[in-house]
Amino acid sequence: MEALIAQIFTTAFLATFIRSVVPLLLTALGGLFSERSGVVNIALEGLIIFGALAAAVSTQLLTPSLGQVAPWAGWLIGMLVGGLIAWIHAVLSIKYRADQVISGTAINLLATGVPAVVLTALYGVSNESPKVEHALPLWGVGELRFSPPVYFAFLAVAITWYVMYRTPYGLRLRATGEQPGAAASMGVNVRRMRYSAVILSGVLAGTAGTFLSIGNLDSYVRNISAGAGFIALAALIFGQWKPLGVLGATLLFGLLQALSIVLGGTNLLPSTLVQALPYLITILALIFTGRSRAPKALGRSYDS
């Protein structure tokens, strides 16, 4: 036990903790935009995977021509692909009024199969992409050196709070998720607001995937998200659909993930229980959260 405590109070553990938080935070903030507009987005897991795949593959393919600029282009492409897949979810949910949960589930299912097809077609293997020659650079000191998406993630919390509560866009977005009919009567284009919010959720989830593949690792590997999209969705609910609440929830869940990594190197608990610990605590957190107040129009199609 003393050895475990000693491992926790180290810069190495702090670095692991921060790296565990970042994909959850970026994805949950993306989900916040989508769900505050009234569109359920359980496709977050799939959006992470598509973003990670696009970033890794594009960086590997562009390195011969762009060199060290390739990972930056990969980040941009990861964001764009995340936004594109989210746009598909938006079209199905908003234009065609498909069940939002089913649409999101379909994207998650596609994310389990499409990467293997793409990797097999390009590289002849289905589980991982080749390692990139240049990943995103690391900024910082000593063990506390992180790729740019880490800094962007925490900056995004402040930006999201400001946009939500200090800009006309945020006011319209919140109105769209609460009372779309009333918002429309005041001149708000409800459909446009929902499209923009869902696409933005894909951009942020795509950035989370980019971090995982070329900001934390140097390639795409199968199951790279490890359920981060679902945990981020739980953090969004636990955080009451508020930017600071989401930050607190993702810090908690990130801490649990970091602890599971540390515990995995000890014999204090069975390895299977250690691996399941973050997910078990996530479920318990949702159970004891009580009744969360979701946006009133969440999951409801809007007929203009």
Protein backbone atom coordinates (compact mmCIF):
# COMPACT_ATOMS: atom_id res chain seq x y z
CA MET A 1 0.00 0.00 0.00
CA GLU A 2 2.82 2.41 0.84
CA ALA A 3 4.40 1.67 -2.53
CA LEU A 4 1.09 2.45 -4.24
CA ILE A 5 0.77 5.77 -2.43
CA ALA A 6 4.35 6.60 -3.38
CA GLN A 7 3.54 5.95 -7.05
CA ILE A 8 0.50 8.24 -6.93
CA PHE A 9 2.40 11.27 -5.65
CA THR A 10 4.76 11.44 -8.61
CA THR A 11 4.99 13.53 -11.76
CA ALA A 12 4.68 10.32 -13.78
CA PHE A 13 1.25 9.65 -12.24
CA LEU A 14 0.24 13.28 -12.84
CA ALA A 15 1.20 12.92 -16.50
CA THR A 16 -0.82 9.69 -16.77
CA PHE A 17 -3.76 11.40 -15.09
CA ILE A 18 -3.71 14.33 -17.52
CA ARG A 19 -3.42 12.03 -20.54
CA SER A 20 -6.40 10.03 -19.25
CA VAL A 21 -8.52 13.16 -18.85
CA VAL A 22 -7.92 14.76 -22.24
CA PRO A 23 -9.89 12.44 -24.58
CA LEU A 24 -12.77 12.32 -22.09
CA LEU A 25 -12.82 16.10 -21.72
CA LEU A 26 -12.70 16.89 -25.44
CA THR A 27 -15.38 14.33 -26.25
CA ALA A 28 -17.67 15.36 -23.40
CA LEU A 29 -17.43 19.02 -24.42
CA GLY A 30 -18.39 17.99 -27.93
CA GLY A 31 -21.34 16.04 -26.58
CA LEU A 32 -22.34 19.09 -24.55
CA PHE A 33 -22.80 21.20 -27.68
CA SER A 34 -24.83 18.51 -29.41
CA GLU A 35 -27.10 17.69 -26.50
CA ARG A 36 -27.63 21.29 -25.39
CA SER A 37 -29.05 21.81 -28.89
CA GLY A 38 -31.47 18.91 -28.36
CA VAL A 39 -29.72 16.15 -30.33
CA VAL A 40 -28.71 12.99 -28.45
CA ASN A 41 -25.22 11.95 -29.50
CA ILE A 42 -24.22 8.48 -28.38
CA ALA A 43 -22.05 8.27 -31.51
CA LEU A 44 -19.18 9.90 -29.58
CA GLU A 45 -17.32 6.60 -29.35
CA GLY A 46 -17.45 6.12 -33.09
CA LEU A 47 -16.44 9.73 -33.75
CA ILE A 48 -13.29 9.25 -31.66
CA ILE A 49 -12.37 6.13 -33.62
CA PHE A 50 -12.93 7.72 -37.02
CA GLY A 51 -10.93 10.79 -35.98
CA ALA A 52 -8.07 8.65 -34.68
CA LEU A 53 -7.98 6.55 -37.83
CA ALA A 54 -8.09 9.54 -40.16
CA ALA A 55 -5.36 11.38 -38.25
CA ALA A 56 -2.99 8.42 -38.16
CA VAL A 57 -3.48 7.32 -41.77
CA SER A 58 -3.32 10.83 -43.23
CA THR A 59 -0.19 11.66 -41.21
CA GLN A 60 1.51 8.49 -42.40
CA LEU A 61 0.56 9.14 -46.04
CA LEU A 62 1.45 12.85 -45.99
CA THR A 63 4.81 12.55 -44.20
CA PRO A 64 6.87 12.03 -47.41
CA SER A 65 5.58 15.32 -48.84
CA LEU A 66 5.00 17.43 -45.73
CA GLY A 67 7.58 16.11 -43.26
CA GLN A 68 7.11 17.45 -39.75
CA VAL A 69 4.04 19.42 -40.84
CA ALA A 70 2.21 16.14 -41.58
CA PRO A 71 0.89 15.56 -38.02
CA TRP A 72 -0.61 19.04 -37.98
CA ALA A 73 -2.36 18.24 -41.25
CA GLY A 74 -3.38 14.91 -39.68
CA TRP A 75 -4.95 16.75 -36.76
CA LEU A 76 -6.93 18.92 -39.16
CA ILE A 77 -8.05 15.89 -41.16
CA GLY A 78 -9.01 14.04 -37.97
CA MET A 79 -11.18 16.99 -36.97
CA LEU A 80 -12.76 17.21 -40.43
CA VAL A 81 -13.53 13.50 -40.58
CA GLY A 82 -15.06 13.65 -37.09
CA GLY A 83 -17.17 16.59 -38.21
CA LEU A 84 -18.19 14.79 -41.41
CA ILE A 85 -19.35 11.66 -39.58
CA ALA A 86 -21.20 13.84 -37.08
CA TRP A 87 -22.85 15.64 -40.02
CA ILE A 88 -24.21 12.28 -41.18
CA HIS A 89 -25.70 11.77 -37.73
CA ALA A 90 -27.15 15.28 -37.91
CA VAL A 91 -28.75 14.69 -41.33
CA LEU A 92 -30.35 11.45 -40.18
CA SER A 93 -31.55 12.96 -36.89
CA ILE A 94 -32.60 16.44 -38.02
CA LYS A 95 -33.58 16.22 -41.68
CA TYR A 96 -34.98 12.70 -41.76
CA ARG A 97 -36.01 12.65 -38.07
CA ALA A 98 -34.54 9.19 -37.50
CA ASP A 99 -34.34 7.90 -33.96
CA GLN A 100 -31.25 9.68 -32.59
CA VAL A 101 -30.15 6.74 -30.45
CA ILE A 102 -30.38 4.31 -33.36
CA SER A 103 -28.49 6.70 -35.64
CA GLY A 104 -25.70 7.07 -33.09
CA THR A 105 -25.58 3.33 -32.51
CA ALA A 106 -25.24 2.75 -36.26
CA ILE A 107 -22.20 5.03 -36.37
CA ASN A 108 -20.64 3.20 -33.44
CA LEU A 109 -21.19 -0.10 -35.22
CA LEU A 110 -19.61 1.27 -38.39
CA ALA A 111 -16.61 2.35 -36.33
CA THR A 112 -16.03 -1.26 -35.30
CA GLY A 113 -15.73 -2.47 -38.90
CA VAL A 114 -14.69 0.37 -41.22
CA PRO A 115 -11.18 0.85 -39.73
CA ALA A 116 -10.31 -2.81 -40.38
CA VAL A 117 -11.46 -2.48 -44.00
CA VAL A 118 -9.46 0.72 -44.52
CA LEU A 119 -6.30 -0.65 -42.90
CA THR A 120 -6.52 -3.89 -44.84
CA ALA A 121 -6.93 -2.03 -48.12
CA LEU A 122 -3.98 0.28 -47.42
CA TYR A 123 -1.54 -1.87 -45.46
CA GLY A 124 -2.73 -5.47 -45.60
CA VAL A 125 -3.34 -5.62 -41.84
CA SER A 126 -6.54 -4.98 -39.92
CA ASN A 127 -5.44 -4.20 -36.36
CA GLU A 128 -3.12 -1.22 -36.61
CA SER A 129 -1.59 1.33 -38.92
CA PRO A 130 2.17 1.73 -39.44
CA LYS A 131 3.91 3.98 -36.96
CA VAL A 132 4.14 7.56 -38.13
CA GLU A 133 7.58 9.05 -38.59
CA HIS A 134 6.49 12.35 -37.08
CA ALA A 135 3.80 12.52 -34.37
CA LEU A 136 2.58 15.76 -32.82
CA PRO A 137 5.34 17.55 -30.89
CA LEU A 138 5.56 17.44 -27.10
CA TRP A 139 5.62 20.70 -25.16
CA GLY A 140 6.54 21.00 -21.49
CA VAL A 141 9.23 20.05 -19.01
CA GLY A 142 10.51 16.63 -17.96
CA GLU A 143 7.77 14.04 -17.62
CA LEU A 144 5.11 16.72 -17.95
CA ARG A 145 5.48 17.04 -21.71
CA PHE A 146 2.28 16.85 -23.72
CA SER A 147 1.11 17.22 -27.29
CA PRO A 148 -0.89 20.33 -28.31
CA PRO A 149 -4.37 18.70 -27.99
CA VAL A 150 -3.77 18.48 -24.22
CA TYR A 151 -3.43 22.25 -23.90
CA PHE A 152 -6.28 22.76 -26.33
CA ALA A 153 -8.58 20.53 -24.24
CA PHE A 154 -8.32 22.64 -21.09
CA LEU A 155 -8.51 25.86 -23.09
CA ALA A 156 -11.67 24.49 -24.71
CA VAL A 157 -13.39 24.40 -21.30
CA ALA A 158 -13.05 28.18 -20.94
CA ILE A 159 -14.02 28.75 -24.56
CA THR A 160 -17.09 26.51 -24.22
CA TRP A 161 -18.20 28.28 -21.03
CA TYR A 162 -17.82 31.69 -22.69
CA VAL A 163 -19.64 30.61 -25.85
CA MET A 164 -22.48 29.01 -23.90
CA TYR A 165 -23.15 31.85 -21.46
CA ARG A 166 -21.70 35.02 -22.97
CA THR A 167 -22.51 34.91 -26.68
CA PRO A 168 -25.70 35.11 -28.76
CA TYR A 169 -24.83 31.74 -30.29
CA GLY A 170 -24.80 30.11 -26.86
CA LEU A 171 -28.11 31.71 -25.91
CA ARG A 172 -29.72 30.48 -29.12
CA LEU A 173 -28.20 27.02 -28.67
CA ARG A 174 -29.57 26.65 -25.16
CA ALA A 175 -32.97 27.94 -26.25
CA THR A 176 -33.00 25.43 -29.10
CA GLY A 177 -32.42 22.58 -26.66
CA GLU A 178 -35.03 23.78 -24.18
CA GLN A 179 -37.88 25.28 -26.20
CA PRO A 180 -37.23 25.01 -29.93
CA GLY A 181 -40.69 26.30 -30.83
CA ALA A 182 -40.22 29.45 -28.75
CA ALA A 183 -36.71 29.90 -30.14
CA ALA A 184 -38.03 29.65 -33.71
CA SER A 185 -40.72 32.24 -32.96
CA MET A 186 -37.92 34.65 -32.03
CA GLY A 187 -36.20 34.14 -35.36
CA VAL A 188 -33.75 31.37 -34.44
CA ASN A 189 -33.09 28.82 -37.17
CA VAL A 190 -33.44 25.69 -35.04
CA ARG A 191 -32.23 23.28 -37.70
CA ARG A 192 -29.13 25.34 -38.45
CA MET A 193 -28.28 25.60 -34.76
CA ARG A 194 -28.60 21.84 -34.31
CA TYR A 195 -26.52 21.10 -37.40
CA SER A 196 -23.72 23.38 -36.21
CA ALA A 197 -23.77 21.91 -32.69
CA VAL A 198 -23.66 18.27 -33.85
CA ILE A 199 -20.86 18.98 -36.34
CA LEU A 200 -18.92 20.78 -33.62
CA SER A 201 -19.29 17.72 -31.39
CA GLY A 202 -17.69 15.67 -34.16
CA VAL A 203 -14.82 18.13 -34.51
CA LEU A 204 -14.02 17.91 -30.80
CA ALA A 205 -14.40 14.12 -30.68
CA GLY A 206 -12.19 13.92 -33.76
CA THR A 207 -9.58 15.95 -31.91
CA ALA A 208 -9.82 13.46 -29.04
CA GLY A 209 -9.16 10.66 -31.51
CA THR A 210 -6.24 12.61 -32.99
CA PHE A 211 -4.73 12.91 -29.54
CA LEU A 212 -5.00 9.18 -28.98
CA SER A 213 -3.40 8.15 -32.29
CA ILE A 214 -0.73 10.79 -33.01
CA GLY A 215 -0.63 12.86 -29.82
CA ASN A 216 -0.28 10.09 -27.25
CA LEU A 217 0.71 7.13 -29.45
CA ASP A 218 2.29 7.08 -32.90
CA SER A 219 -0.24 4.91 -34.75
CA TYR A 220 -3.86 3.81 -34.85
CA VAL A 221 -4.55 0.56 -33.02
CA ARG A 222 -7.76 -1.42 -32.73
CA ASN A 223 -10.05 -0.34 -29.88
CA ILE A 224 -7.93 2.76 -29.38
CA SER A 225 -10.78 4.61 -27.70
CA ALA A 226 -11.32 1.89 -25.05
CA GLY A 227 -14.83 3.11 -24.33
CA ALA A 228 -13.81 6.77 -23.90
CA GLY A 229 -16.86 7.95 -25.84
CA PHE A 230 -19.27 6.18 -23.51
CA ILE A 231 -17.44 7.38 -20.40
CA ALA A 232 -17.50 10.92 -21.83
CA LEU A 233 -21.25 10.61 -22.31
CA ALA A 234 -21.58 9.53 -18.69
CA ALA A 235 -19.40 12.48 -17.64
CA LEU A 236 -21.69 14.79 -19.59
CA ILE A 237 -24.71 13.53 -17.65
CA PHE A 238 -22.82 13.49 -14.35
CA GLY A 239 -21.70 17.07 -15.04
CA GLN A 240 -25.30 18.20 -15.61
CA TRP A 241 -24.62 19.34 -19.20
CA LYS A 242 -22.52 22.28 -17.94
CA PRO A 243 -18.91 23.05 -18.98
CA LEU A 244 -17.49 23.22 -15.45
CA GLY A 245 -19.51 20.20 -14.39
CA VAL A 246 -18.12 18.28 -17.36
CA LEU A 247 -14.60 19.33 -16.37
CA GLY A 248 -15.12 18.04 -12.83
CA ALA A 249 -16.65 14.77 -14.00
CA THR A 250 -13.89 14.06 -16.52
CA LEU A 251 -11.23 14.85 -13.92
CA LEU A 252 -12.85 12.28 -11.63
CA PHE A 253 -13.15 9.61 -14.31
CA GLY A 254 -9.66 10.38 -15.61
CA LEU A 255 -8.29 9.95 -12.10
CA LEU A 256 -9.97 6.55 -11.87
CA GLN A 257 -8.46 5.50 -15.19
CA ALA A 258 -5.02 6.61 -14.08
CA LEU A 259 -5.43 4.70 -10.81
CA SER A 260 -6.42 1.58 -12.72
CA ILE A 261 -3.17 1.85 -14.69
CA VAL A 262 -1.15 2.12 -11.49
CA LEU A 263 -3.08 -0.69 -9.79
CA GLY A 264 -2.49 -2.85 -12.83
CA GLY A 265 1.17 -3.03 -11.86
CA THR A 266 0.41 -4.29 -8.34
CA ASN A 267 -1.16 -7.39 -6.86
CA LEU A 268 -3.61 -5.54 -4.61
CA LEU A 269 -6.62 -6.38 -6.78
CA PRO A 270 -7.36 -8.95 -9.51
CA SER A 271 -6.33 -7.66 -12.93
CA THR A 272 -9.84 -8.05 -14.38
CA LEU A 273 -11.30 -5.94 -11.57
CA VAL A 274 -8.62 -3.29 -12.05
CA GLN A 275 -9.42 -3.04 -15.76
CA ALA A 276 -13.14 -2.77 -15.06
CA LEU A 277 -12.74 -0.26 -12.21
CA PRO A 278 -13.23 2.97 -14.23
CA TYR A 279 -16.36 1.57 -15.88
CA LEU A 280 -17.81 0.27 -12.61
CA ILE A 281 -17.28 3.62 -10.89
CA THR A 282 -18.81 5.39 -13.88
CA ILE A 283 -21.96 3.29 -13.56
CA LEU A 284 -22.11 3.89 -9.81
CA ALA A 285 -21.63 7.62 -10.30
CA LEU A 286 -24.61 7.73 -12.66
CA ILE A 287 -26.73 5.70 -10.26
CA PHE A 288 -26.04 8.00 -7.32
CA THR A 289 -26.22 11.22 -9.33
CA GLY A 290 -29.96 11.26 -8.92
CA ARG A 291 -32.24 12.83 -11.48
CA SER A 292 -30.18 14.95 -13.83
CA ARG A 293 -31.99 17.77 -15.54
CA ALA A 294 -31.42 17.19 -19.23
CA PRO A 295 -32.36 19.82 -21.84
CA LYS A 296 -36.13 19.62 -22.20
CA ALA A 297 -36.10 19.05 -25.96
CA LEU A 298 -33.27 16.49 -25.88
CA GLY A 299 -34.01 13.66 -28.28
CA ARG A 300 -37.10 15.33 -29.77
CA SER A 301 -37.31 16.01 -33.48
CA TYR A 302 -38.32 19.53 -34.46
CA ASP A 303 -40.91 20.16 -37.16
CA SER A 304 -40.48 23.63 -38.58
